[in-house]
Structures are given as C-alpha cells and as structure tokens.
Amino acid sequence: MKDHDTFGSQDPYCVITVGSTKKQTKAHSGGGKNPVWSGYTWTFPKQGSQDIKVEVFDDDAGADDKIGSGLIRM
C-alpha cells in the first residue's frame, strides 16, 4: 500500500461492506504500509448474489484518507 502520511506512519483501518451491512476494524496505530488486523470474525447476512467491498482508510485527526479499495464479485 502507498503510505499517505508525509510525517510518521499511517494508521490504517479496513471497512468491509456486503449489501447494506458494514463492518470496520480498529485502526492499526503506526501500521504504515503493512497493517495487521487479527481477531476479527464477522458474519454477514446472505441476500442473493452480493459483492464484497473492501476499503482501507488512514485514520487522521481531520478527514480520513482513502488508501485503496477492491471489489470481490460473488
């Protein structure tokens, strides 16, 4: 991942969206370009064929920066 912080390391968090259900990790403080999120187990309701949207943001004091995103077609 590209580091969006000029000073220090970015604090990434991940948002997973399936249909109208959205789940979010906590920010990995100082995670930089190689964040690790462990211990998360989520269940999403299945409503037909739904895509899985994955977005990663940098947690900032102001507006959070979007680092990247992807879509998993189901």
PDB file of N, CA and C in Angstrom:
ATOM      1  N   MET A   1       0.839  -1.177   0.000  1.00  0.00           N
ATOM      2  CA  MET A   1       0.000   0.000   0.000  1.00  0.00           C
ATOM      3  C   MET A   1       0.878   1.231   0.000  1.00  0.00           C
ATOM      4  N   LYS A   2       0.408   2.261  -0.650  1.00  0.00           N
ATOM      5  CA  LYS A   2       1.109   3.532  -0.648  1.00  0.00           C
ATOM      6  C   LYS A   2       0.918   4.208   0.702  1.00  0.00           C
ATOM      7  N   ASP A   3       2.003   4.780   1.251  1.00  0.00           N
ATOM      8  CA  ASP A   3       1.928   5.493   2.533  1.00  0.00           C
ATOM      9  C   ASP A   3       1.466   6.917   2.254  1.00  0.00           C
ATOM     10  N   HIS A   4       0.317   7.303   2.794  1.00  0.00           N
ATOM     11  CA  HIS A   4      -0.264   8.614   2.540  1.00  0.00           C
ATOM     12  C   HIS A   4       0.166   9.667   3.549  1.00  0.00           C
ATOM     13  N   ASP A   5       0.924   9.302   4.555  1.00  0.00           N
ATOM     14  CA  ASP A   5       1.380  10.268   5.549  1.00  0.00           C
ATOM     15  C   ASP A   5       2.790  10.736   5.217  1.00  0.00           C
ATOM     16  N   THR A   6       2.978  12.051   5.237  1.00  0.00           N
ATOM     17  CA  THR A   6       4.287  12.628   4.969  1.00  0.00           C
ATOM     18  C   THR A   6       5.179  12.473   6.189  1.00  0.00           C
ATOM     19  N   PHE A   7       4.611  12.718   7.360  1.00  0.00           N
ATOM     20  CA  PHE A   7       5.354  12.598   8.609  1.00  0.00           C
ATOM     21  C   PHE A   7       4.748  11.462   9.431  1.00  0.00           C
ATOM     22  N   GLY A   8       5.575  10.574   9.946  1.00  0.00           N
ATOM     23  CA  GLY A   8       5.073   9.457  10.741  1.00  0.00           C
ATOM     24  C   GLY A   8       4.546   8.355   9.846  1.00  0.00           C
ATOM     25  N   SER A   9       3.832   7.423  10.445  1.00  0.00           N
ATOM     26  CA  SER A   9       3.254   6.300   9.709  1.00  0.00           C
ATOM     27  C   SER A   9       1.743   6.409   9.701  1.00  0.00           C
ATOM     28  N   GLN A  10       1.150   5.954   8.614  1.00  0.00           N
ATOM     29  CA  GLN A  10      -0.315   5.974   8.549  1.00  0.00           C
ATOM     30  C   GLN A  10      -0.896   4.952   9.521  1.00  0.00           C
ATOM     31  N   ASP A  11      -2.141   5.184   9.894  1.00  0.00           N
ATOM     32  CA  ASP A  11      -2.866   4.344  10.847  1.00  0.00           C
ATOM     33  C   ASP A  11      -4.062   3.724  10.122  1.00  0.00           C
ATOM     34  N   PRO A  12      -3.846   2.656   9.354  1.00  0.00           N
ATOM     35  CA  PRO A  12      -4.897   2.106   8.507  1.00  0.00           C
ATOM     36  C   PRO A  12      -5.989   1.342   9.270  1.00  0.00           C
ATOM     37  N   TYR A  13      -7.189   1.420   8.739  1.00  0.00           N
ATOM     38  CA  TYR A  13      -8.290   0.574   9.182  1.00  0.00           C
ATOM     39  C   TYR A  13      -9.034   0.099   7.944  1.00  0.00           C
ATOM     40  N   CYS A  14      -9.754  -0.992   8.088  1.00  0.00           N
ATOM     41  CA  CYS A  14     -10.420  -1.636   6.966  1.00  0.00           C
ATOM     42  C   CYS A  14     -11.935  -1.615   7.170  1.00  0.00           C
ATOM     43  N   VAL A  15     -12.660  -1.342   6.088  1.00  0.00           N
ATOM     44  CA  VAL A  15     -14.123  -1.369   6.096  1.00  0.00           C
ATOM     45  C   VAL A  15     -14.574  -2.410   5.081  1.00  0.00           C
ATOM     46  N   ILE A  16     -15.385  -3.382   5.536  1.00  0.00           N
ATOM     47  CA  ILE A  16     -15.940  -4.430   4.673  1.00  0.00           C
ATOM     48  C   ILE A  16     -17.439  -4.192   4.570  1.00  0.00           C
ATOM     49  N   THR A  17     -17.950  -4.134   3.335  1.00  0.00           N
ATOM     50  CA  THR A  17     -19.375  -3.908   3.108  1.00  0.00           C
ATOM     51  C   THR A  17     -19.940  -5.030   2.251  1.00  0.00           C
ATOM     52  N   VAL A  18     -21.017  -5.649   2.744  1.00  0.00           N
ATOM     53  CA  VAL A  18     -21.756  -6.663   1.988  1.00  0.00           C
ATOM     54  C   VAL A  18     -23.211  -6.227   2.028  1.00  0.00           C
ATOM     55  N   GLY A  19     -23.773  -5.899   0.856  1.00  0.00           N
ATOM     56  CA  GLY A  19     -25.137  -5.372   0.821  1.00  0.00           C
ATOM     57  C   GLY A  19     -25.212  -4.088   1.619  1.00  0.00           C
ATOM     58  N   SER A  20     -26.105  -4.028   2.588  1.00  0.00           N
ATOM     59  CA  SER A  20     -26.243  -2.833   3.417  1.00  0.00           C
ATOM     60  C   SER A  20     -25.532  -2.985   4.765  1.00  0.00           C
ATOM     61  N   THR A  21     -24.832  -4.120   4.966  1.00  0.00           N
ATOM     62  CA  THR A  21     -24.135  -4.364   6.223  1.00  0.00           C
ATOM     63  C   THR A  21     -22.676  -3.954   6.096  1.00  0.00           C
ATOM     64  N   LYS A  22     -22.209  -3.130   7.029  1.00  0.00           N
ATOM     65  CA  LYS A  22     -20.847  -2.614   7.013  1.00  0.00           C
ATOM     66  C   LYS A  22     -20.164  -2.939   8.334  1.00  0.00           C
ATOM     67  N   LYS A  23     -18.938  -3.441   8.266  1.00  0.00           N
ATOM     68  CA  LYS A  23     -18.130  -3.750   9.449  1.00  0.00           C
ATOM     69  C   LYS A  23     -16.791  -3.038   9.307  1.00  0.00           C
ATOM     70  N   GLN A  24     -16.204  -2.635  10.450  1.00  0.00           N
ATOM     71  CA  GLN A  24     -14.958  -1.874  10.420  1.00  0.00           C
ATOM     72  C   GLN A  24     -14.000  -2.359  11.497  1.00  0.00           C
ATOM     73  N   THR A  25     -12.719  -2.468  11.131  1.00  0.00           N
ATOM     74  CA  THR A  25     -11.690  -2.817  12.106  1.00  0.00           C
ATOM     75  C   THR A  25     -11.312  -1.558  12.881  1.00  0.00           C
ATOM     76  N   LYS A  26     -10.555  -1.745  13.933  1.00  0.00           N
ATOM     77  CA  LYS A  26      -9.932  -0.605  14.607  1.00  0.00           C
ATOM     78  C   LYS A  26      -8.709  -0.213  13.791  1.00  0.00           C
ATOM     79  N   ALA A  27      -8.281   1.027  13.924  1.00  0.00           N
ATOM     80  CA  ALA A  27      -7.082   1.482  13.222  1.00  0.00           C
ATOM     81  C   ALA A  27      -5.854   0.794  13.808  1.00  0.00           C
ATOM     82  N   HIS A  28      -4.949   0.376  12.931  1.00  0.00           N
ATOM     83  CA  HIS A  28      -3.671  -0.188  13.374  1.00  0.00           C
ATOM     84  C   HIS A  28      -2.717   0.993  13.522  1.00  0.00           C
ATOM     85  N   SER A  29      -2.576   1.480  14.741  1.00  0.00           N
ATOM     86  CA  SER A  29      -1.745   2.640  15.017  1.00  0.00           C
ATOM     87  C   SER A  29      -0.305   2.381  14.590  1.00  0.00           C
ATOM     88  N   GLY A  30       0.184   3.212  13.676  1.00  0.00           N
ATOM     89  CA  GLY A  30       1.552   3.057  13.173  1.00  0.00           C
ATOM     90  C   GLY A  30       1.724   1.876  12.244  1.00  0.00           C
ATOM     91  N   GLY A  31       0.630   1.337  11.716  1.00  0.00           N
ATOM     92  CA  GLY A  31       0.681   0.157  10.844  1.00  0.00           C
ATOM     93  C   GLY A  31       1.391   0.401   9.528  1.00  0.00           C
ATOM     94  N   GLY A  32       1.509   1.673   9.130  1.00  0.00           N
ATOM     95  CA  GLY A  32       2.220   2.015   7.902  1.00  0.00           C
ATOM     96  C   GLY A  32       1.690   1.301   6.683  1.00  0.00           C
ATOM     97  N   LYS A  33       2.622   0.772   5.867  1.00  0.00           N
ATOM     98  CA  LYS A  33       2.252   0.093   4.623  1.00  0.00           C
ATOM     99  C   LYS A  33       1.926  -1.379   4.816  1.00  0.00           C
ATOM    100  N   ASN A  34       2.132  -1.907   6.024  1.00  0.00           N
ATOM    101  CA  ASN A  34       1.908  -3.330   6.280  1.00  0.00           C
ATOM    102  C   ASN A  34       1.060  -3.541   7.539  1.00  0.00           C
ATOM    103  N   PRO A  35      -0.180  -3.049   7.533  1.00  0.00           N
ATOM    104  CA  PRO A  35      -1.012  -3.215   8.735  1.00  0.00           C
ATOM    105  C   PRO A  35      -1.419  -4.663   8.946  1.00  0.00           C
ATOM    106  N   VAL A  36      -1.717  -4.985  10.202  1.00  0.00           N
ATOM    107  CA  VAL A  36      -2.201  -6.317  10.556  1.00  0.00           C
ATOM    108  C   VAL A  36      -3.454  -6.135  11.397  1.00  0.00           C
ATOM    109  N   TRP A  37      -4.519  -6.803  10.999  1.00  0.00           N
ATOM    110  CA  TRP A  37      -5.756  -6.813  11.781  1.00  0.00           C
ATOM    111  C   TRP A  37      -6.046  -8.266  12.095  1.00  0.00           C
ATOM    112  N   SER A  38      -6.045  -8.627  13.360  1.00  0.00           N
ATOM    113  CA  SER A  38      -6.304 -10.016  13.726  1.00  0.00           C
ATOM    114  C   SER A  38      -7.402 -10.065  14.783  1.00  0.00           C
ATOM    115  N   GLY A  39      -8.002 -11.220  14.891  1.00  0.00           N
ATOM    116  CA  GLY A  39      -9.023 -11.427  15.904  1.00  0.00           C
ATOM    117  C   GLY A  39     -10.425 -11.024  15.473  1.00  0.00           C
ATOM    118  N   TYR A  40     -10.605 -10.735  14.188  1.00  0.00           N
ATOM    119  CA  TYR A  40     -11.932 -10.344  13.703  1.00  0.00           C
ATOM    120  C   TYR A  40     -12.614 -11.526  13.036  1.00  0.00           C
ATOM    121  N   THR A  41     -13.845 -11.801  13.452  1.00  0.00           N
ATOM    122  CA  THR A  41     -14.699 -12.789  12.808  1.00  0.00           C
ATOM    123  C   THR A  41     -16.069 -12.154  12.652  1.00  0.00           C
ATOM    124  N   TRP A  42     -16.486 -11.967  11.429  1.00  0.00           N
ATOM    125  CA  TRP A  42     -17.766 -11.318  11.175  1.00  0.00           C
ATOM    126  C   TRP A  42     -18.687 -12.241  10.392  1.00  0.00           C
ATOM    127  N   THR A  43     -19.962 -12.088  10.611  1.00  0.00           N
ATOM    128  CA  THR A  43     -20.982 -12.794   9.852  1.00  0.00           C
ATOM    129  C   THR A  43     -21.846 -11.766   9.148  1.00  0.00           C
ATOM    130  N   PHE A  44     -22.057 -11.980   7.862  1.00  0.00           N
ATOM    131  CA  PHE A  44     -22.898 -11.086   7.071  1.00  0.00           C
ATOM    132  C   PHE A  44     -24.114 -11.862   6.588  1.00  0.00           C
ATOM    133  N   PRO A  45     -25.291 -11.226   6.587  1.00  0.00           N
ATOM    134  CA  PRO A  45     -26.479 -11.919   6.076  1.00  0.00           C
ATOM    135  C   PRO A  45     -26.366 -12.120   4.565  1.00  0.00           C
ATOM    136  N   LYS A  46     -26.728 -13.311   4.089  1.00  0.00           N
ATOM    137  CA  LYS A  46     -26.695 -13.603   2.652  1.00  0.00           C
ATOM    138  C   LYS A  46     -28.053 -13.289   2.053  1.00  0.00           C
ATOM    139  N   GLN A  47     -28.052 -12.399   1.095  1.00  0.00           N
ATOM    140  CA  GLN A  47     -29.283 -11.999   0.412  1.00  0.00           C
ATOM    141  C   GLN A  47     -29.045 -12.052  -1.087  1.00  0.00           C
ATOM    142  N   GLY A  48     -29.071 -13.259  -1.634  1.00  0.00           N
ATOM    143  CA  GLY A  48     -28.816 -13.421  -3.058  1.00  0.00           C
ATOM    144  C   GLY A  48     -27.339 -13.253  -3.372  1.00  0.00           C
ATOM    145  N   SER A  49     -27.046 -12.811  -4.576  1.00  0.00           N
ATOM    146  CA  SER A  49     -25.667 -12.606  -5.012  1.00  0.00           C
ATOM    147  C   SER A  49     -25.242 -11.180  -4.673  1.00  0.00           C
ATOM    148  N   GLN A  50     -24.341 -11.041  -3.703  1.00  0.00           N
ATOM    149  CA  GLN A  50     -23.880  -9.726  -3.288  1.00  0.00           C
ATOM    150  C   GLN A  50     -22.368  -9.641  -3.383  1.00  0.00           C
ATOM    151  N   ASP A  51     -21.895  -8.501  -3.816  1.00  0.00           N
ATOM    152  CA  ASP A  51     -20.460  -8.271  -3.883  1.00  0.00           C
ATOM    153  C   ASP A  51     -19.931  -7.915  -2.498  1.00  0.00           C
ATOM    154  N   ILE A  52     -18.638  -8.135  -2.300  1.00  0.00           N
ATOM    155  CA  ILE A  52     -17.964  -7.762  -1.059  1.00  0.00           C
ATOM    156  C   ILE A  52     -17.049  -6.589  -1.384  1.00  0.00           C
ATOM    157  N   LYS A  53     -17.290  -5.464  -0.753  1.00  0.00           N
ATOM    158  CA  LYS A  53     -16.483  -4.263  -0.976  1.00  0.00           C
ATOM    159  C   LYS A  53     -15.490  -4.129   0.175  1.00  0.00           C
ATOM    160  N   VAL A  54     -14.208  -3.974  -0.166  1.00  0.00           N
ATOM    161  CA  VAL A  54     -13.148  -3.832   0.827  1.00  0.00           C
ATOM    162  C   VAL A  54     -12.496  -2.468   0.620  1.00  0.00           C
ATOM    163  N   GLU A  55     -12.465  -1.660   1.671  1.00  0.00           N
ATOM    164  CA  GLU A  55     -11.844  -0.339   1.593  1.00  0.00           C
ATOM    165  C   GLU A  55     -10.872  -0.173   2.756  1.00  0.00           C
ATOM    166  N   VAL A  56      -9.754   0.488   2.493  1.00  0.00           N
ATOM    167  CA  VAL A  56      -8.766   0.759   3.531  1.00  0.00           C
ATOM    168  C   VAL A  56      -8.573   2.271   3.609  1.00  0.00           C
ATOM    169  N   PHE A  57      -8.647   2.788   4.838  1.00  0.00           N
ATOM    170  CA  PHE A  57      -8.509   4.219   5.087  1.00  0.00           C
ATOM    171  C   PHE A  57      -7.398   4.473   6.085  1.00  0.00           C
ATOM    172  N   ASP A  58      -6.841   5.687   6.039  1.00  0.00           N
ATOM    173  CA  ASP A  58      -5.862   6.142   7.019  1.00  0.00           C
ATOM    174  C   ASP A  58      -6.599   6.998   8.032  1.00  0.00           C
ATOM    175  N   ASP A  59      -6.572   6.583   9.287  1.00  0.00           N
ATOM    176  CA  ASP A  59      -7.244   7.307  10.364  1.00  0.00           C
ATOM    177  C   ASP A  59      -6.470   8.595  10.658  1.00  0.00           C
ATOM    178  N   ASP A  60      -7.101   9.736  10.398  1.00  0.00           N
ATOM    179  CA  ASP A  60      -6.484  11.039  10.630  1.00  0.00           C
ATOM    180  C   ASP A  60      -7.351  11.869  11.555  1.00  0.00           C
ATOM    181  N   ALA A  61      -6.757  12.888  12.158  1.00  0.00           N
ATOM    182  CA  ALA A  61      -7.494  13.777  13.065  1.00  0.00           C
ATOM    183  C   ALA A  61      -8.624  14.488  12.318  1.00  0.00           C
ATOM    184  N   GLY A  62      -8.393  14.883  11.080  1.00  0.00           N
ATOM    185  CA  GLY A  62      -9.428  15.516  10.268  1.00  0.00           C
ATOM    186  C   GLY A  62     -10.159  14.452   9.476  1.00  0.00           C
ATOM    187  N   ALA A  63     -10.279  14.683   8.175  1.00  0.00           N
ATOM    188  CA  ALA A  63     -10.918  13.705   7.295  1.00  0.00           C
ATOM    189  C   ALA A  63      -9.957  12.549   7.036  1.00  0.00           C
ATOM    190  N   ASP A  64     -10.463  11.317   7.076  1.00  0.00           N
ATOM    191  CA  ASP A  64      -9.644  10.130   6.820  1.00  0.00           C
ATOM    192  C   ASP A  64      -9.334  10.018   5.333  1.00  0.00           C
ATOM    193  N   ASP A  65      -8.104   9.625   5.005  1.00  0.00           N
ATOM    194  CA  ASP A  65      -7.694   9.448   3.617  1.00  0.00           C
ATOM    195  C   ASP A  65      -8.005   8.027   3.166  1.00  0.00           C
ATOM    196  N   LYS A  66      -8.548   7.894   1.963  1.00  0.00           N
ATOM    197  CA  LYS A  66      -8.779   6.567   1.398  1.00  0.00           C
ATOM    198  C   LYS A  66      -7.468   6.081   0.796  1.00  0.00           C
ATOM    199  N   ILE A  67      -7.001   4.927   1.267  1.00  0.00           N
ATOM    200  CA  ILE A  67      -5.746   4.361   0.788  1.00  0.00           C
ATOM    201  C   ILE A  67      -5.995   3.506  -0.452  1.00  0.00           C
ATOM    202  N   GLY A  68      -7.051   2.716  -0.423  1.00  0.00           N
ATOM    203  CA  GLY A  68      -7.352   1.854  -1.564  1.00  0.00           C
ATOM    204  C   GLY A  68      -8.639   1.086  -1.341  1.00  0.00           C
ATOM    205  N   SER A  69      -9.101   0.419  -2.397  1.00  0.00           N
ATOM    206  CA  SER A  69     -10.340  -0.361  -2.308  1.00  0.00           C
ATOM    207  C   SER A  69     -10.325  -1.479  -3.326  1.00  0.00           C
ATOM    208  N   GLY A  70     -11.211  -2.429  -3.105  1.00  0.00           N
ATOM    209  CA  GLY A  70     -11.362  -3.539  -4.043  1.00  0.00           C
ATOM    210  C   GLY A  70     -12.758  -4.118  -3.942  1.00  0.00           C
ATOM    211  N   LEU A  71     -13.157  -4.859  -4.956  1.00  0.00           N
ATOM    212  CA  LEU A  71     -14.485  -5.448  -5.008  1.00  0.00           C
ATOM    213  C   LEU A  71     -14.344  -6.928  -5.339  1.00  0.00           C
ATOM    214  N   ILE A  72     -14.973  -7.771  -4.538  1.00  0.00           N
ATOM    215  CA  ILE A  72     -14.979  -9.208  -4.771  1.00  0.00           C
ATOM    216  C   ILE A  72     -16.363  -9.567  -5.289  1.00  0.00           C
ATOM    217  N   ARG A  73     -16.424  -9.997  -6.535  1.00  0.00           N
ATOM    218  CA  ARG A  73     -17.713 -10.352  -7.155  1.00  0.00           C
ATOM    219  C   ARG A  73     -18.134 -11.733  -6.684  1.00  0.00           C
ATOM    220  N   MET A  74     -19.367 -11.839  -6.225  1.00  0.00           N
ATOM    221  CA  MET A  74     -19.895 -13.116  -5.740  1.00  0.00           C
ATOM    222  C   MET A  74     -21.006 -13.587  -6.664  1.00  0.00           C
TER     223      MET A  74
END
